[in-house]
PDB file of N, CA and C in Angstrom:
ATOM      1  N   UNK A   1     319.586 167.063 253.120  1.00  0.00           N
ATOM      2  CA  UNK A   1     320.307 166.904 251.874  1.00  0.00           C
ATOM      3  C   UNK A   1     319.365 167.306 250.741  1.00  0.00           C
ATOM      4  N   UNK A   2     319.858 168.106 249.825  1.00  0.00           N
ATOM      5  CA  UNK A   2     319.034 168.578 248.717  1.00  0.00           C
ATOM      6  C   UNK A   2     318.908 167.505 247.641  1.00  0.00           C
ATOM      7  N   UNK A   3     317.982 167.739 246.721  1.00  0.00           N
ATOM      8  CA  UNK A   3     317.775 166.801 245.621  1.00  0.00           C
ATOM      9  C   UNK A   3     319.037 166.698 244.766  1.00  0.00           C
ATOM     10  N   UNK A   4     319.700 167.826 244.544  1.00  0.00           N
ATOM     11  CA  UNK A   4     320.926 167.831 243.736  1.00  0.00           C
ATOM     12  C   UNK A   4     322.017 166.998 244.410  1.00  0.00           C
ATOM     13  N   UNK A   5     322.179 167.173 245.708  1.00  0.00           N
ATOM     14  CA  UNK A   5     323.185 166.400 246.449  1.00  0.00           C
ATOM     15  C   UNK A   5     322.860 164.911 246.427  1.00  0.00           C
ATOM     16  N   UNK A   6     321.585 164.583 246.556  1.00  0.00           N
ATOM     17  CA  UNK A   6     321.169 163.178 246.523  1.00  0.00           C
ATOM     18  C   UNK A   6     321.466 162.566 245.165  1.00  0.00           C
ATOM     19  N   UNK A   7     321.154 163.297 244.095  1.00  0.00           N
ATOM     20  CA  UNK A   7     321.423 162.789 242.745  1.00  0.00           C
ATOM     21  C   UNK A   7     322.919 162.598 242.512  1.00  0.00           C
ATOM     22  N   UNK A   8     323.729 163.522 243.009  1.00  0.00           N
ATOM     23  CA  UNK A   8     325.185 163.380 242.876  1.00  0.00           C
ATOM     24  C   UNK A   8     325.674 162.154 243.639  1.00  0.00           C
ATOM     25  N   UNK A   9     325.117 161.936 244.805  1.00  0.00           N
ATOM     26  CA  UNK A   9     325.531 160.796 245.628  1.00  0.00           C
ATOM     27  C   UNK A   9     325.144 159.470 244.985  1.00  0.00           C
ATOM     28  N   UNK A  10     323.929 159.380 244.453  1.00  0.00           N
ATOM     29  CA  UNK A  10     323.485 158.106 243.875  1.00  0.00           C
ATOM     30  C   UNK A  10     324.040 157.871 242.476  1.00  0.00           C
ATOM     31  N   UNK A  11     324.761 158.854 241.931  1.00  0.00           N
ATOM     32  CA  UNK A  11     325.368 158.656 240.617  1.00  0.00           C
ATOM     33  C   UNK A  11     326.639 157.810 240.699  1.00  0.00           C
ATOM     34  N   UNK A  12     327.122 157.571 241.922  1.00  0.00           N
ATOM     35  CA  UNK A  12     328.307 156.729 242.106  1.00  0.00           C
ATOM     36  C   UNK A  12     327.942 155.259 241.858  1.00  0.00           C
ATOM     37  N   UNK A  13     328.930 154.461 241.473  1.00  0.00           N
ATOM     38  CA  UNK A  13     328.681 153.042 241.226  1.00  0.00           C
ATOM     39  C   UNK A  13     328.536 152.253 242.521  1.00  0.00           C
ATOM     40  N   UNK A  14     329.336 152.589 243.511  1.00  0.00           N
ATOM     41  CA  UNK A  14     329.355 151.840 244.767  1.00  0.00           C
ATOM     42  C   UNK A  14     328.940 152.721 245.932  1.00  0.00           C
ATOM     43  N   UNK A  15     328.351 152.104 246.929  1.00  0.00           N
ATOM     44  CA  UNK A  15     327.861 152.800 248.115  1.00  0.00           C
ATOM     45  C   UNK A  15     328.613 152.274 249.336  1.00  0.00           C
ATOM     46  N   UNK A  16     329.220 153.184 250.097  1.00  0.00           N
ATOM     47  CA  UNK A  16     329.878 152.769 251.335  1.00  0.00           C
ATOM     48  C   UNK A  16     328.973 153.120 252.515  1.00  0.00           C
ATOM     49  N   UNK A  17     329.424 152.863 253.710  1.00  0.00           N
ATOM     50  CA  UNK A  17     328.604 153.084 254.896  1.00  0.00           C
ATOM     51  C   UNK A  17     328.250 154.556 255.074  1.00  0.00           C
ATOM     52  N   UNK A  18     329.191 155.460 254.809  1.00  0.00           N
ATOM     53  CA  UNK A  18     328.900 156.891 254.941  1.00  0.00           C
ATOM     54  C   UNK A  18     327.809 157.331 253.971  1.00  0.00           C
ATOM     55  N   UNK A  19     327.890 156.841 252.732  1.00  0.00           N
ATOM     56  CA  UNK A  19     326.859 157.160 251.736  1.00  0.00           C
ATOM     57  C   UNK A  19     325.501 156.642 252.191  1.00  0.00           C
ATOM     58  N   UNK A  20     325.485 155.428 252.710  1.00  0.00           N
ATOM     59  CA  UNK A  20     324.240 154.823 253.176  1.00  0.00           C
ATOM     60  C   UNK A  20     323.649 155.613 254.339  1.00  0.00           C
ATOM     61  N   UNK A  21     324.497 156.099 255.220  1.00  0.00           N
ATOM     62  CA  UNK A  21     324.026 156.918 256.333  1.00  0.00           C
ATOM     63  C   UNK A  21     323.389 158.208 255.819  1.00  0.00           C
ATOM     64  N   UNK A  22     324.003 158.838 254.830  1.00  0.00           N
ATOM     65  CA  UNK A  22     323.459 160.081 254.280  1.00  0.00           C
ATOM     66  C   UNK A  22     322.140 159.833 253.557  1.00  0.00           C
ATOM     67  N   UNK A  23     322.057 158.752 252.775  1.00  0.00           N
ATOM     68  CA  UNK A  23     320.840 158.471 252.009  1.00  0.00           C
ATOM     69  C   UNK A  23     319.674 158.055 252.899  1.00  0.00           C
ATOM     70  N   UNK A  24     319.964 157.275 253.916  1.00  0.00           N
ATOM     71  CA  UNK A  24     318.895 156.736 254.749  1.00  0.00           C
ATOM     72  C   UNK A  24     318.553 157.628 255.939  1.00  0.00           C
ATOM     73  N   UNK A  25     319.479 158.493 256.334  1.00  0.00           N
ATOM     74  CA  UNK A  25     319.253 159.335 257.503  1.00  0.00           C
ATOM     75  C   UNK A  25     319.407 158.587 258.813  1.00  0.00           C
ATOM     76  N   UNK A  26     320.046 157.435 258.769  1.00  0.00           N
ATOM     77  CA  UNK A  26     320.236 156.620 259.966  1.00  0.00           C
ATOM     78  C   UNK A  26     321.594 156.897 260.599  1.00  0.00           C
ATOM     79  N   UNK A  27     321.714 156.539 261.855  1.00  0.00           N
ATOM     80  CA  UNK A  27     322.996 156.612 262.545  1.00  0.00           C
ATOM     81  C   UNK A  27     323.862 155.431 262.138  1.00  0.00           C
ATOM     82  N   UNK A  28     325.058 155.395 262.659  1.00  0.00           N
ATOM     83  CA  UNK A  28     326.029 154.384 262.222  1.00  0.00           C
ATOM     84  C   UNK A  28     325.587 152.958 262.545  1.00  0.00           C
ATOM     85  N   UNK A  29     325.021 152.731 263.717  1.00  0.00           N
ATOM     86  CA  UNK A  29     324.628 151.370 264.087  1.00  0.00           C
ATOM     87  C   UNK A  29     323.500 150.845 263.222  1.00  0.00           C
ATOM     88  N   UNK A  30     322.458 151.648 263.020  1.00  0.00           N
ATOM     89  CA  UNK A  30     321.336 151.206 262.194  1.00  0.00           C
ATOM     90  C   UNK A  30     321.709 151.144 260.722  1.00  0.00           C
ATOM     91  N   UNK A  31     322.586 152.037 260.273  1.00  0.00           N
ATOM     92  CA  UNK A  31     323.048 151.992 258.890  1.00  0.00           C
ATOM     93  C   UNK A  31     323.857 150.713 258.649  1.00  0.00           C
ATOM     94  N   UNK A  32     324.637 150.303 259.643  1.00  0.00           N
ATOM     95  CA  UNK A  32     325.408 149.067 259.506  1.00  0.00           C
ATOM     96  C   UNK A  32     324.472 147.861 259.399  1.00  0.00           C
ATOM     97  N   UNK A  33     323.399 147.849 260.198  1.00  0.00           N
ATOM     98  CA  UNK A  33     322.416 146.762 260.110  1.00  0.00           C
ATOM     99  C   UNK A  33     321.743 146.749 258.743  1.00  0.00           C
ATOM    100  N   UNK A  34     321.411 147.927 258.233  1.00  0.00           N
ATOM    101  CA  UNK A  34     320.791 148.038 256.913  1.00  0.00           C
ATOM    102  C   UNK A  34     321.750 147.564 255.829  1.00  0.00           C
ATOM    103  N   UNK A  35     323.009 147.942 255.959  1.00  0.00           N
ATOM    104  CA  UNK A  35     324.031 147.522 254.996  1.00  0.00           C
ATOM    105  C   UNK A  35     324.140 146.000 254.962  1.00  0.00           C
ATOM    106  N   UNK A  36     324.100 145.397 256.126  1.00  0.00           N
ATOM    107  CA  UNK A  36     324.181 143.938 256.232  1.00  0.00           C
ATOM    108  C   UNK A  36     322.996 143.286 255.526  1.00  0.00           C
ATOM    109  N   UNK A  37     321.801 143.869 255.719  1.00  0.00           N
ATOM    110  CA  UNK A  37     320.592 143.358 255.100  1.00  0.00           C
ATOM    111  C   UNK A  37     320.668 143.435 253.569  1.00  0.00           C
ATOM    112  N   UNK A  38     321.108 144.586 253.072  1.00  0.00           N
ATOM    113  CA  UNK A  38     321.225 144.776 251.622  1.00  0.00           C
ATOM    114  C   UNK A  38     322.312 143.867 251.060  1.00  0.00           C
ATOM    115  N   UNK A  39     323.391 143.692 251.802  1.00  0.00           N
ATOM    116  CA  UNK A  39     324.487 142.814 251.355  1.00  0.00           C
ATOM    117  C   UNK A  39     323.983 141.380 251.183  1.00  0.00           C
ATOM    118  N   UNK A  40     323.187 140.905 252.126  1.00  0.00           N
ATOM    119  CA  UNK A  40     322.644 139.548 252.035  1.00  0.00           C
ATOM    120  C   UNK A  40     321.755 139.420 250.810  1.00  0.00           C
ATOM    121  N   UNK A  41     320.910 140.416 250.566  1.00  0.00           N
ATOM    122  CA  UNK A  41     320.037 140.385 249.388  1.00  0.00           C
ATOM    123  C   UNK A  41     320.848 140.376 248.093  1.00  0.00           C
ATOM    124  N   UNK A  42     321.911 141.152 248.057  1.00  0.00           N
ATOM    125  CA  UNK A  42     322.759 141.204 246.863  1.00  0.00           C
ATOM    126  C   UNK A  42     323.459 139.871 246.628  1.00  0.00           C
ATOM    127  N   UNK A  43     323.959 139.268 247.693  1.00  0.00           N
ATOM    128  CA  UNK A  43     324.638 137.979 247.551  1.00  0.00           C
ATOM    129  C   UNK A  43     323.673 136.893 247.099  1.00  0.00           C
ATOM    130  N   UNK A  44     322.416 136.975 247.542  1.00  0.00           N
ATOM    131  CA  UNK A  44     321.404 136.018 247.081  1.00  0.00           C
ATOM    132  C   UNK A  44     321.126 136.177 245.591  1.00  0.00           C
ATOM    133  N   UNK A  45     321.320 137.392 245.069  1.00  0.00           N
ATOM    134  CA  UNK A  45     321.124 137.656 243.640  1.00  0.00           C
ATOM    135  C   UNK A  45     322.355 137.274 242.820  1.00  0.00           C
ATOM    136  N   UNK A  46     323.430 136.888 243.494  1.00  0.00           N
ATOM    137  CA  UNK A  46     324.624 136.441 242.793  1.00  0.00           C
ATOM    138  C   UNK A  46     325.722 137.478 242.670  1.00  0.00           C
ATOM    139  N   UNK A  47     325.602 138.599 243.337  1.00  0.00           N
ATOM    140  CA  UNK A  47     326.649 139.622 243.292  1.00  0.00           C
ATOM    141  C   UNK A  47     327.887 139.137 244.032  1.00  0.00           C
ATOM    142  N   UNK A  48     329.050 139.465 243.493  1.00  0.00           N
ATOM    143  CA  UNK A  48     330.319 139.326 244.203  1.00  0.00           C
ATOM    144  C   UNK A  48     330.732 140.743 244.574  1.00  0.00           C
ATOM    145  N   UNK A  49     330.745 141.042 245.854  1.00  0.00           N
ATOM    146  CA  UNK A  49     330.906 142.420 246.301  1.00  0.00           C
ATOM    147  C   UNK A  49     332.308 142.716 246.814  1.00  0.00           C
ATOM    148  N   UNK A  50     332.824 143.906 246.486  1.00  0.00           N
ATOM    149  CA  UNK A  50     334.076 144.335 247.105  1.00  0.00           C
ATOM    150  C   UNK A  50     333.847 144.585 248.591  1.00  0.00           C
ATOM    151  N   UNK A  51     334.895 144.482 249.359  1.00  0.00           N
ATOM    152  CA  UNK A  51     334.777 144.631 250.817  1.00  0.00           C
ATOM    153  C   UNK A  51     334.233 146.020 251.184  1.00  0.00           C
ATOM    154  N   UNK A  52     333.156 146.021 251.948  1.00  0.00           N
ATOM    155  CA  UNK A  52     332.603 147.253 252.472  1.00  0.00           C
ATOM    156  C   UNK A  52     331.750 148.066 251.518  1.00  0.00           C
ATOM    157  N   UNK A  53     331.501 147.556 250.302  1.00  0.00           N
ATOM    158  CA  UNK A  53     330.752 148.320 249.318  1.00  0.00           C
ATOM    159  C   UNK A  53     329.507 147.576 248.855  1.00  0.00           C
ATOM    160  N   UNK A  54     328.497 148.349 248.485  1.00  0.00           N
ATOM    161  CA  UNK A  54     327.260 147.807 247.934  1.00  0.00           C
ATOM    162  C   UNK A  54     327.003 148.468 246.584  1.00  0.00           C
ATOM    163  N   UNK A  55     326.366 147.775 245.647  1.00  0.00           N
ATOM    164  CA  UNK A  55     326.007 148.429 244.386  1.00  0.00           C
ATOM    165  C   UNK A  55     324.973 149.525 244.657  1.00  0.00           C
ATOM    166  N   UNK A  56     325.248 150.721 244.158  1.00  0.00           N
ATOM    167  CA  UNK A  56     324.355 151.845 244.418  1.00  0.00           C
ATOM    168  C   UNK A  56     322.959 151.586 243.862  1.00  0.00           C
ATOM    169  N   UNK A  57     322.855 150.886 242.724  1.00  0.00           N
ATOM    170  CA  UNK A  57     321.536 150.613 242.143  1.00  0.00           C
ATOM    171  C   UNK A  57     320.676 149.778 243.088  1.00  0.00           C
ATOM    172  N   UNK A  58     321.294 148.858 243.821  1.00  0.00           N
ATOM    173  CA  UNK A  58     320.548 148.043 244.778  1.00  0.00           C
ATOM    174  C   UNK A  58     320.148 148.858 246.009  1.00  0.00           C
ATOM    175  N   UNK A  59     321.005 149.767 246.427  1.00  0.00           N
ATOM    176  CA  UNK A  59     320.688 150.627 247.567  1.00  0.00           C
ATOM    177  C   UNK A  59     319.518 151.541 247.216  1.00  0.00           C
ATOM    178  N   UNK A  60     319.567 152.132 246.013  1.00  0.00           N
ATOM    179  CA  UNK A  60     318.482 153.010 245.556  1.00  0.00           C
ATOM    180  C   UNK A  60     317.174 152.231 245.483  1.00  0.00           C
ATOM    181  N   UNK A  61     317.222 151.022 244.964  1.00  0.00           N
ATOM    182  CA  UNK A  61     316.014 150.203 244.866  1.00  0.00           C
ATOM    183  C   UNK A  61     315.490 149.833 246.257  1.00  0.00           C
ATOM    184  N   UNK A  62     316.389 149.454 247.154  1.00  0.00           N
ATOM    185  CA  UNK A  62     315.973 149.047 248.495  1.00  0.00           C
ATOM    186  C   UNK A  62     315.344 150.209 249.261  1.00  0.00           C
ATOM    187  N   UNK A  63     315.940 151.401 249.126  1.00  0.00           N
ATOM    188  CA  UNK A  63     315.430 152.576 249.830  1.00  0.00           C
ATOM    189  C   UNK A  63     314.262 153.232 249.085  1.00  0.00           C
ATOM    190  N   UNK A  64     313.965 152.712 247.903  1.00  0.00           N
ATOM    191  CA  UNK A  64     312.842 153.214 247.108  1.00  0.00           C
ATOM    192  C   UNK A  64     312.983 154.717 246.839  1.00  0.00           C
ATOM    193  N   UNK A  65     314.159 155.111 246.356  1.00  0.00           N
ATOM    194  CA  UNK A  65     314.426 156.514 246.049  1.00  0.00           C
ATOM    195  C   UNK A  65     313.861 156.822 244.669  1.00  0.00           C
ATOM    196  N   UNK A  66     313.018 157.838 244.587  1.00  0.00           N
ATOM    197  CA  UNK A  66     312.356 158.220 243.348  1.00  0.00           C
ATOM    198  C   UNK A  66     313.255 159.188 242.577  1.00  0.00           C
ATOM    199  N   UNK A  67     314.015 158.668 241.633  1.00  0.00           N
ATOM    200  CA  UNK A  67     314.980 159.462 240.884  1.00  0.00           C
ATOM    201  C   UNK A  67     314.276 160.481 239.990  1.00  0.00           C
ATOM    202  N   UNK A  68     313.171 160.106 239.357  1.00  0.00           N
ATOM    203  CA  UNK A  68     312.443 161.044 238.497  1.00  0.00           C
ATOM    204  C   UNK A  68     311.967 162.264 239.283  1.00  0.00           C
ATOM    205  N   UNK A  69     311.471 162.038 240.483  1.00  0.00           N
ATOM    206  CA  UNK A  69     311.028 163.158 241.320  1.00  0.00           C
ATOM    207  C   UNK A  69     312.206 164.050 241.690  1.00  0.00           C
ATOM    208  N   UNK A  70     313.323 163.450 242.071  1.00  0.00           N
ATOM    209  CA  UNK A  70     314.500 164.251 242.437  1.00  0.00           C
ATOM    210  C   UNK A  70     314.967 165.104 241.268  1.00  0.00           C
ATOM    211  N   UNK A  71     314.930 164.544 240.062  1.00  0.00           N
ATOM    212  CA  UNK A  71     315.334 165.304 238.870  1.00  0.00           C
ATOM    213  C   UNK A  71     314.385 166.474 238.619  1.00  0.00           C
ATOM    214  N   UNK A  72     313.110 166.278 238.906  1.00  0.00           N
ATOM    215  CA  UNK A  72     312.130 167.336 238.642  1.00  0.00           C
ATOM    216  C   UNK A  72     312.207 168.486 239.645  1.00  0.00           C
ATOM    217  N   UNK A  73     312.731 168.244 240.846  1.00  0.00           N
ATOM    218  CA  UNK A  73     312.775 169.294 241.859  1.00  0.00           C
ATOM    219  C   UNK A  73     314.168 169.841 242.146  1.00  0.00           C
ATOM    220  N   UNK A  74     315.178 169.308 241.483  1.00  0.00           N
ATOM    221  CA  UNK A  74     316.546 169.792 241.768  1.00  0.00           C
ATOM    222  C   UNK A  74     316.709 171.244 241.337  1.00  0.00           C
ATOM    223  N   UNK A  75     317.626 171.914 241.973  1.00  0.00           N
ATOM    224  CA  UNK A  75     317.860 173.343 241.689  1.00  0.00           C
ATOM    225  C   UNK A  75     318.974 173.523 240.697  1.00  0.00           C
TER     226      UNK A  75
END
């Protein structure tokens, strides 16, 4: 996935399982485990989450995605 595609993907407000699979490079089973982990962290922070979705800002933070770097190398 290119930097431009990654930036377009993380510009969404909510992250579903398919988005998480693309961002993390994991298969469906491991992405589901990761989603569960992030969901628990979000609920501990007080988020009320829609079914099957995670806040993209929390996913970006958890995966430690460097947005400034992606902006500098996008085509």
